[in-house]
Structures are given as C-alpha cells and as structure tokens.
Amino acid sequence: MIKKATLATALGMLAFAAHGETAVSYSSLPLNLETTEIAQSFNLPFFDTSLGTLDSVTVELFGHAISSGTLTNTAAQSQNLSFESNLNLFLSGGSLSGELLSLPLFNTGFINIAGNGGTYDLGNADIDGSTLINVSAGDLSAFIGGGNLSFTCNSLTGNTQTGGGGNIRVSQETQAGCGLEITYNYTPADNPPPGTVPEPGSLALVGLAMAGLSWVRRRRAK
C-alpha cells in the first residue's frame, strides 16, 4: 500500500553497522492529487561516494488515481459498446526516461445504452500501484554526485471505446498523484569520513533539502 505521509526534507538517517553491501533509501511521497494531466517534480539526493562504492540503484514509482464518469448516448437508437480508461504515469530523471506505471480506471465490457440521452454511470475508481525500476550498471554514474537529482512524473490518460456508432459522449473527472523512492546499494568505505555513518541504532537529523520533506533510512541488505 502506498505510504500516505507527506514528507518534505530529509528528516534523519538510521544506520546499522554492516559488513558487505549496505543500502540507503530516500523518499518523497507527497501523493498530492491534482487534476490530470499532471506534471509533478521531485528532488532526491545523489549518492555520496564518501559512503563507499555504489553497486546498484533501484527507483520505485508510486501512483494514485481517482476517477468518475458517465457515458451518454446522443443517438435516437440504443447503442452497444465497450469503454476502457487507463491512467499512465511517466517518470523521467537521472538516466531514466519515460518509465511507465499504468493504472486501470474503468473497463465496462460490452454494454447497451438506451437512445435519446440514455446514460451509463462508470462509478468511482480509486486505484494505487507502483513499479520498481532497476538502473543498469552502465547508468550508475548518473546517480553519483552532490546535491539533488531532479525527477518529473507526468500523466497521460487514455480512453478506448469500441462501438457506439460515434454517438457516445464521455464525461470524466480524474485526479492523480505520484511518489518516488530511490535506493542506493553500496559497499561501505573502509574508513568513511567522520559523521557520515552514525553509530548503530542512532538517529541523526540532517538539514533542509530541496522539494519537500524526505525521509532516509538505512538497512542491511539481505
């Protein structure tokens, strides 16, 4: 289930002593619902090489959409048709371009709508989902540096209608929101700079970052 908390800057870091590969994650999960089409921006930290050697990167895109609608037959005679609606979210940033998360909103199957203004209520859709993206080894350098990486999540709603004689009017209202988490898996440095790795179990506050509250967690990779 999508995390609902709205977090704006990196609040803290929880670290555990580890031998071998370790992971650190940064998230920005506002999931602010806006009328589609949307263009939401996120800023999450680059990987800090003072922590060690970056081995792999995963990016998880979260999406949430709500929608309602009505189909109206404007012809005099009844019409047979099917109607399908999907909300597509596209993520770009770092080495990523156009990564897709598709959320199905409606799929009526074949229905019959009476003539002379007959209607069909699509009901209310409330859908969430996520997709995990594994960054290729050749693109890891795009995630290394100082400051923040910028990401953009755009929506594109697609409706498909079969039948209806070209006489079906669609009235639809849709809102959507995105969230993002990036995880860096790395081999810790033998002697990391003082203060970059807290004592086991400690929680250290970090300063303000761009683009809203973010939370940070460290975990030992399994």
C-alpha atoms as a PDB file:
ATOM      1  CA  MET A   1       0.000   0.000   0.000  1.00  0.00           C
ATOM      2  CA  ILE A   2       1.208   3.465  -0.805  1.00  0.00           C
ATOM      3  CA  LYS A   3       2.681   5.435   2.078  1.00  0.00           C
ATOM      4  CA  LYS A   4       0.384   8.402   2.692  1.00  0.00           C
ATOM      5  CA  ALA A   5       2.728  10.642   4.696  1.00  0.00           C
ATOM      6  CA  THR A   6       3.801  13.919   3.160  1.00  0.00           C
ATOM      7  CA  LEU A   7       7.456  14.456   3.960  1.00  0.00           C
ATOM      8  CA  ALA A   8       9.461  17.420   2.768  1.00  0.00           C
ATOM      9  CA  THR A   9      13.212  17.465   3.688  1.00  0.00           C
ATOM     10  CA  ALA A  10      15.492  14.698   4.808  1.00  0.00           C
ATOM     11  CA  LEU A  11      14.458  14.223   8.413  1.00  0.00           C
ATOM     12  CA  GLY A  12      17.027  11.753   9.520  1.00  0.00           C
ATOM     13  CA  MET A  13      19.245   8.783   8.979  1.00  0.00           C
ATOM     14  CA  LEU A  14      19.055   5.431  10.738  1.00  0.00           C
ATOM     15  CA  ALA A  15      22.193   3.324  10.293  1.00  0.00           C
ATOM     16  CA  PHE A  16      23.195  -0.166  11.273  1.00  0.00           C
ATOM     17  CA  ALA A  17      26.758  -1.500  11.404  1.00  0.00           C
ATOM     18  CA  ALA A  18      27.162  -3.803   8.444  1.00  0.00           C
ATOM     19  CA  HIS A  19      29.772  -5.905   6.724  1.00  0.00           C
ATOM     20  CA  GLY A  20      29.381  -6.193   2.969  1.00  0.00           C
ATOM     21  CA  GLU A  21      26.699  -4.418   0.991  1.00  0.00           C
ATOM     22  CA  THR A  22      24.528  -1.787   2.639  1.00  0.00           C
ATOM     23  CA  ALA A  23      21.567   0.223   1.361  1.00  0.00           C
ATOM     24  CA  VAL A  24      20.345   3.765   1.877  1.00  0.00           C
ATOM     25  CA  SER A  25      16.945   4.977   0.643  1.00  0.00           C
ATOM     26  CA  TYR A  26      15.489   8.432   0.070  1.00  0.00           C
ATOM     27  CA  SER A  27      11.782   9.000  -0.489  1.00  0.00           C
ATOM     28  CA  SER A  28       9.494  11.820  -1.466  1.00  0.00           C
ATOM     29  CA  LEU A  29       5.933  10.612  -1.239  1.00  0.00           C
ATOM     30  CA  PRO A  30       3.542  13.556  -1.170  1.00  0.00           C
ATOM     31  CA  LEU A  31       0.990  11.815  -3.386  1.00  0.00           C
ATOM     32  CA  ASN A  32      -0.675  15.157  -3.898  1.00  0.00           C
ATOM     33  CA  LEU A  33      -3.759  14.544  -6.013  1.00  0.00           C
ATOM     34  CA  GLU A  34      -4.118  17.067  -8.837  1.00  0.00           C
ATOM     35  CA  THR A  35      -6.474  17.315 -11.791  1.00  0.00           C
ATOM     36  CA  THR A  36      -4.972  15.478 -14.751  1.00  0.00           C
ATOM     37  CA  GLU A  37      -2.937  15.835 -16.721  1.00  0.00           C
ATOM     38  CA  ILE A  38      -0.249  16.323 -14.052  1.00  0.00           C
ATOM     39  CA  ALA A  39       3.460  17.199 -14.001  1.00  0.00           C
ATOM     40  CA  GLN A  40       4.924  16.668 -10.523  1.00  0.00           C
ATOM     41  CA  SER A  41       8.583  17.244  -9.624  1.00  0.00           C
ATOM     42  CA  PHE A  42      10.791  15.526  -7.053  1.00  0.00           C
ATOM     43  CA  ASN A  43      14.302  16.253  -5.795  1.00  0.00           C
ATOM     44  CA  LEU A  44      16.185  13.425  -4.077  1.00  0.00           C
ATOM     45  CA  PRO A  45      19.873  13.232  -3.078  1.00  0.00           C
ATOM     46  CA  PHE A  46      22.611  11.886  -5.293  1.00  0.00           C
ATOM     47  CA  PHE A  47      24.683   9.014  -3.907  1.00  0.00           C
ATOM     48  CA  ASP A  48      27.528  10.294  -1.717  1.00  0.00           C
ATOM     49  CA  THR A  49      30.705   8.409  -2.653  1.00  0.00           C
ATOM     50  CA  SER A  50      32.196   9.117   0.777  1.00  0.00           C
ATOM     51  CA  LEU A  51      29.895   6.322   1.990  1.00  0.00           C
ATOM     52  CA  GLY A  52      31.543   3.744  -0.255  1.00  0.00           C
ATOM     53  CA  THR A  53      31.273   2.218  -3.728  1.00  0.00           C
ATOM     54  CA  LEU A  54      27.881   2.309  -5.442  1.00  0.00           C
ATOM     55  CA  ASP A  55      26.880  -1.185  -6.609  1.00  0.00           C
ATOM     56  CA  SER A  56      23.298  -0.769  -7.833  1.00  0.00           C
ATOM     57  CA  VAL A  57      20.333   1.611  -7.861  1.00  0.00           C
ATOM     58  CA  THR A  58      16.597   0.929  -7.766  1.00  0.00           C
ATOM     59  CA  VAL A  59      13.877   3.524  -8.230  1.00  0.00           C
ATOM     60  CA  GLU A  60      10.272   2.849  -7.218  1.00  0.00           C
ATOM     61  CA  LEU A  61       7.484   4.944  -8.709  1.00  0.00           C
ATOM     62  CA  PHE A  62       4.197   5.118  -6.791  1.00  0.00           C
ATOM     63  CA  GLY A  63       0.922   6.318  -8.258  1.00  0.00           C
ATOM     64  CA  HIS A  64      -2.599   7.040  -7.005  1.00  0.00           C
ATOM     65  CA  ALA A  65      -5.612   7.982  -9.101  1.00  0.00           C
ATOM     66  CA  ILE A  66      -9.304   8.643  -8.538  1.00  0.00           C
ATOM     67  CA  SER A  67     -11.832   8.989 -11.331  1.00  0.00           C
ATOM     68  CA  SER A  68     -15.563   9.108 -12.008  1.00  0.00           C
ATOM     69  CA  GLY A  69     -17.519   9.393 -15.209  1.00  0.00           C
ATOM     70  CA  THR A  70     -20.674   8.978 -17.252  1.00  0.00           C
ATOM     71  CA  LEU A  71     -21.308   7.768 -20.810  1.00  0.00           C
ATOM     72  CA  THR A  72     -24.216   9.407 -22.662  1.00  0.00           C
ATOM     73  CA  ASN A  73     -25.818   8.095 -25.853  1.00  0.00           C
ATOM     74  CA  THR A  74     -26.725  11.043 -28.087  1.00  0.00           C
ATOM     75  CA  ALA A  75     -28.320   8.885 -30.811  1.00  0.00           C
ATOM     76  CA  ALA A  76     -32.037   8.119 -31.098  1.00  0.00           C
ATOM     77  CA  GLN A  77     -31.444   4.361 -31.039  1.00  0.00           C
ATOM     78  CA  SER A  78     -29.737   2.310 -28.338  1.00  0.00           C
ATOM     79  CA  GLN A  79     -26.022   1.595 -28.761  1.00  0.00           C
ATOM     80  CA  ASN A  80     -23.810  -1.379 -27.909  1.00  0.00           C
ATOM     81  CA  LEU A  81     -20.269  -0.529 -26.904  1.00  0.00           C
ATOM     82  CA  SER A  82     -17.367  -1.141 -24.558  1.00  0.00           C
ATOM     83  CA  PHE A  83     -15.304   1.518 -22.804  1.00  0.00           C
ATOM     84  CA  GLU A  84     -11.869   1.303 -21.177  1.00  0.00           C
ATOM     85  CA  SER A  85      -9.862   4.022 -19.406  1.00  0.00           C
ATOM     86  CA  ASN A  86      -6.283   3.926 -18.130  1.00  0.00           C
ATOM     87  CA  LEU A  87      -4.084   6.493 -16.406  1.00  0.00           C
ATOM     88  CA  ASN A  88      -0.437   6.267 -17.438  1.00  0.00           C
ATOM     89  CA  LEU A  89       2.336   7.829 -15.337  1.00  0.00           C
ATOM     90  CA  PHE A  90       5.739   8.511 -16.907  1.00  0.00           C
ATOM     91  CA  LEU A  91       8.885   9.086 -14.836  1.00  0.00           C
ATOM     92  CA  SER A  92      11.996  10.889 -16.090  1.00  0.00           C
ATOM     93  CA  GLY A  93      15.187  11.907 -14.271  1.00  0.00           C
ATOM     94  CA  GLY A  94      18.767  10.787 -13.805  1.00  0.00           C
ATOM     95  CA  SER A  95      19.315   8.213 -16.549  1.00  0.00           C
ATOM     96  CA  LEU A  96      15.595   7.354 -16.658  1.00  0.00           C
ATOM     97  CA  SER A  97      13.305   8.485 -19.449  1.00  0.00           C
ATOM     98  CA  GLY A  98       9.626   7.674 -19.832  1.00  0.00           C
ATOM     99  CA  GLU A  99       9.428   4.824 -17.306  1.00  0.00           C
ATOM    100  CA  LEU A 100       5.782   3.735 -17.203  1.00  0.00           C
ATOM    101  CA  LEU A 101       3.265   2.938 -14.470  1.00  0.00           C
ATOM    102  CA  SER A 102      -0.240   2.215 -15.795  1.00  0.00           C
ATOM    103  CA  LEU A 103      -3.296   2.418 -13.508  1.00  0.00           C
ATOM    104  CA  PRO A 104      -6.541   0.886 -14.882  1.00  0.00           C
ATOM    105  CA  LEU A 105      -9.543   3.107 -14.148  1.00  0.00           C
ATOM    106  CA  PHE A 106     -12.537   1.587 -15.956  1.00  0.00           C
ATOM    107  CA  ASN A 107     -13.323  -1.413 -18.159  1.00  0.00           C
ATOM    108  CA  THR A 108     -17.048  -1.862 -18.825  1.00  0.00           C
ATOM    109  CA  GLY A 109     -17.016  -4.856 -21.123  1.00  0.00           C
ATOM    110  CA  PHE A 110     -19.830  -4.694 -23.699  1.00  0.00           C
ATOM    111  CA  ILE A 111     -22.846  -2.717 -22.520  1.00  0.00           C
ATOM    112  CA  ASN A 112     -26.034  -1.318 -24.048  1.00  0.00           C
ATOM    113  CA  ILE A 113     -27.061   2.305 -23.533  1.00  0.00           C
ATOM    114  CA  ALA A 114     -30.605   3.414 -24.339  1.00  0.00           C
ATOM    115  CA  GLY A 115     -31.143   6.079 -27.004  1.00  0.00           C
ATOM    116  CA  ASN A 116     -32.240   9.691 -26.664  1.00  0.00           C
ATOM    117  CA  GLY A 117     -29.812  10.663 -23.926  1.00  0.00           C
ATOM    118  CA  GLY A 118     -29.553   7.342 -22.100  1.00  0.00           C
ATOM    119  CA  THR A 119     -26.615   7.214 -19.695  1.00  0.00           C
ATOM    120  CA  TYR A 120     -24.259   4.702 -18.127  1.00  0.00           C
ATOM    121  CA  ASP A 121     -22.607   5.536 -14.795  1.00  0.00           C
ATOM    122  CA  LEU A 122     -18.976   4.398 -14.727  1.00  0.00           C
ATOM    123  CA  GLY A 123     -18.910   4.661 -10.940  1.00  0.00           C
ATOM    124  CA  ASN A 124     -15.890   5.720  -8.898  1.00  0.00           C
ATOM    125  CA  ALA A 125     -12.366   4.372  -9.311  1.00  0.00           C
ATOM    126  CA  ASP A 126      -9.750   4.678  -6.550  1.00  0.00           C
ATOM    127  CA  ILE A 127      -6.557   2.980  -7.693  1.00  0.00           C
ATOM    128  CA  ASP A 128      -2.984   2.876  -6.479  1.00  0.00           C
ATOM    129  CA  GLY A 129       0.063   0.992  -7.672  1.00  0.00           C
ATOM    130  CA  SER A 130       3.822   1.008  -8.005  1.00  0.00           C
ATOM    131  CA  THR A 131       6.591  -0.186 -10.284  1.00  0.00           C
ATOM    132  CA  LEU A 132      10.226  -0.982  -9.432  1.00  0.00           C
ATOM    133  CA  ILE A 133      12.913   0.149 -11.865  1.00  0.00           C
ATOM    134  CA  ASN A 134      16.394  -1.388 -11.810  1.00  0.00           C
ATOM    135  CA  VAL A 135      19.001   1.037 -13.123  1.00  0.00           C
ATOM    136  CA  SER A 136      21.501  -0.582 -15.489  1.00  0.00           C
ATOM    137  CA  ALA A 137      25.116  -0.822 -14.345  1.00  0.00           C
ATOM    138  CA  GLY A 138      26.226   1.452 -17.166  1.00  0.00           C
ATOM    139  CA  ASP A 139      23.996   4.269 -15.894  1.00  0.00           C
ATOM    140  CA  LEU A 140      25.071   4.320 -12.232  1.00  0.00           C
ATOM    141  CA  SER A 141      27.316   7.342 -12.752  1.00  0.00           C
ATOM    142  CA  ALA A 142      24.210   9.465 -13.422  1.00  0.00           C
ATOM    143  CA  PHE A 143      23.231   8.957  -9.767  1.00  0.00           C
ATOM    144  CA  ILE A 144      26.560   9.946  -8.206  1.00  0.00           C
ATOM    145  CA  GLY A 145      27.332  13.489  -7.115  1.00  0.00           C
ATOM    146  CA  GLY A 146      26.421  16.243  -4.711  1.00  0.00           C
ATOM    147  CA  GLY A 147      23.115  17.982  -4.175  1.00  0.00           C
ATOM    148  CA  ASN A 148      19.873  16.594  -5.542  1.00  0.00           C
ATOM    149  CA  LEU A 149      18.634  14.659  -8.552  1.00  0.00           C
ATOM    150  CA  SER A 150      15.561  16.071 -10.267  1.00  0.00           C
ATOM    151  CA  PHE A 151      12.710  13.812 -11.388  1.00  0.00           C
ATOM    152  CA  THR A 152       9.434  14.564 -13.148  1.00  0.00           C
ATOM    153  CA  CYS A 153       6.259  12.466 -13.179  1.00  0.00           C
ATOM    154  CA  ASN A 154       3.784  13.197 -15.978  1.00  0.00           C
ATOM    155  CA  SER A 155       0.370  11.663 -16.611  1.00  0.00           C
ATOM    156  CA  LEU A 156      -1.376  10.743 -19.835  1.00  0.00           C
ATOM    157  CA  THR A 157      -4.929   9.381 -19.690  1.00  0.00           C
ATOM    158  CA  GLY A 158      -6.036   7.030 -22.448  1.00  0.00           C
ATOM    159  CA  ASN A 159      -9.643   6.080 -23.275  1.00  0.00           C
ATOM    160  CA  THR A 160     -10.634   3.340 -25.723  1.00  0.00           C
ATOM    161  CA  GLN A 161     -14.195   2.914 -26.992  1.00  0.00           C
ATOM    162  CA  THR A 162     -15.428   0.152 -29.272  1.00  0.00           C
ATOM    163  CA  GLY A 163     -18.880   0.518 -30.834  1.00  0.00           C
ATOM    164  CA  GLY A 164     -21.410   3.203 -30.039  1.00  0.00           C
ATOM    165  CA  GLY A 165     -21.733   4.466 -33.597  1.00  0.00           C
ATOM    166  CA  GLY A 166     -19.725   7.580 -32.817  1.00  0.00           C
ATOM    167  CA  ASN A 167     -22.620   8.878 -30.728  1.00  0.00           C
ATOM    168  CA  ILE A 168     -21.314   8.396 -27.192  1.00  0.00           C
ATOM    169  CA  ARG A 169     -20.325  11.411 -25.115  1.00  0.00           C
ATOM    170  CA  VAL A 170     -17.824  10.783 -22.313  1.00  0.00           C
ATOM    171  CA  SER A 171     -17.873  12.951 -19.190  1.00  0.00           C
ATOM    172  CA  GLN A 172     -14.975  12.077 -16.893  1.00  0.00           C
ATOM    173  CA  GLU A 173     -13.174  13.704 -13.959  1.00  0.00           C
ATOM    174  CA  THR A 174      -9.781  12.379 -12.880  1.00  0.00           C
ATOM    175  CA  GLN A 175      -7.107  13.289 -10.345  1.00  0.00           C
ATOM    176  CA  ALA A 176      -3.716  11.674  -9.827  1.00  0.00           C
ATOM    177  CA  GLY A 177      -0.519  11.935  -7.794  1.00  0.00           C
ATOM    178  CA  CYS A 178       2.971  10.434  -7.814  1.00  0.00           C
ATOM    179  CA  GLY A 179       5.516   9.367  -5.203  1.00  0.00           C
ATOM    180  CA  LEU A 180       9.119   8.249  -5.507  1.00  0.00           C
ATOM    181  CA  GLU A 181      11.740   6.230  -3.627  1.00  0.00           C
ATOM    182  CA  ILE A 182      15.368   5.734  -4.644  1.00  0.00           C
ATOM    183  CA  THR A 183      17.594   3.080  -3.058  1.00  0.00           C
ATOM    184  CA  TYR A 184      21.380   3.003  -3.327  1.00  0.00           C
ATOM    185  CA  ASN A 185      23.038  -0.357  -2.645  1.00  0.00           C
ATOM    186  CA  TYR A 186      26.736   0.084  -1.907  1.00  0.00           C
ATOM    187  CA  THR A 187      29.846  -1.439  -0.383  1.00  0.00           C
ATOM    188  CA  PRO A 188      30.815   0.707   2.625  1.00  0.00           C
ATOM    189  CA  ALA A 189      34.134   2.540   2.631  1.00  0.00           C
ATOM    190  CA  ASP A 190      36.764   1.082   4.981  1.00  0.00           C
ATOM    191  CA  ASN A 191      37.222   4.458   6.638  1.00  0.00           C
ATOM    192  CA  PRO A 192      34.237   6.713   5.930  1.00  0.00           C
ATOM    193  CA  PRO A 193      34.634  10.379   6.875  1.00  0.00           C
ATOM    194  CA  PRO A 194      33.625  11.157  10.481  1.00  0.00           C
ATOM    195  CA  GLY A 195      29.913  11.828  10.845  1.00  0.00           C
ATOM    196  CA  THR A 196      28.813  10.152   7.599  1.00  0.00           C
ATOM    197  CA  VAL A 197      27.884   6.878   9.303  1.00  0.00           C
ATOM    198  CA  PRO A 198      26.072   7.184  12.662  1.00  0.00           C
ATOM    199  CA  GLU A 199      26.626   4.724  15.489  1.00  0.00           C
ATOM    200  CA  PRO A 200      24.417   1.596  15.260  1.00  0.00           C
ATOM    201  CA  GLY A 201      20.833   2.383  16.142  1.00  0.00           C
ATOM    202  CA  SER A 202      21.382   6.136  16.334  1.00  0.00           C
ATOM    203  CA  LEU A 203      19.199   8.666  14.577  1.00  0.00           C
ATOM    204  CA  ALA A 204      20.815  11.865  13.321  1.00  0.00           C
ATOM    205  CA  LEU A 205      18.917  14.833  11.953  1.00  0.00           C
ATOM    206  CA  VAL A 206      20.094  16.275   8.668  1.00  0.00           C
ATOM    207  CA  GLY A 207      19.489  19.695   7.173  1.00  0.00           C
ATOM    208  CA  LEU A 208      16.910  21.021   4.800  1.00  0.00           C
ATOM    209  CA  ALA A 209      16.828  19.730   1.238  1.00  0.00           C
ATOM    210  CA  MET A 210      15.007  20.864  -1.869  1.00  0.00           C
ATOM    211  CA  ALA A 211      11.482  19.782  -2.821  1.00  0.00           C
ATOM    212  CA  GLY A 212       9.742  18.954   0.370  1.00  0.00           C
ATOM    213  CA  LEU A 213      10.321  16.650   3.303  1.00  0.00           C
ATOM    214  CA  SER A 214      12.170  13.423   2.600  1.00  0.00           C
ATOM    215  CA  TRP A 215      12.897  10.560   4.884  1.00  0.00           C
ATOM    216  CA  VAL A 216      16.004   8.473   4.920  1.00  0.00           C
ATOM    217  CA  ARG A 217      16.530   5.029   6.199  1.00  0.00           C
ATOM    218  CA  ARG A 218      19.459   2.682   6.206  1.00  0.00           C
ATOM    219  CA  ARG A 219      19.163  -1.048   6.296  1.00  0.00           C
ATOM    220  CA  ARG A 220      21.455  -4.044   5.988  1.00  0.00           C
ATOM    221  CA  ALA A 221      20.869  -5.617   2.565  1.00  0.00           C
ATOM    222  CA  LYS A 222      19.741  -9.234   2.689  1.00  0.00           C
END
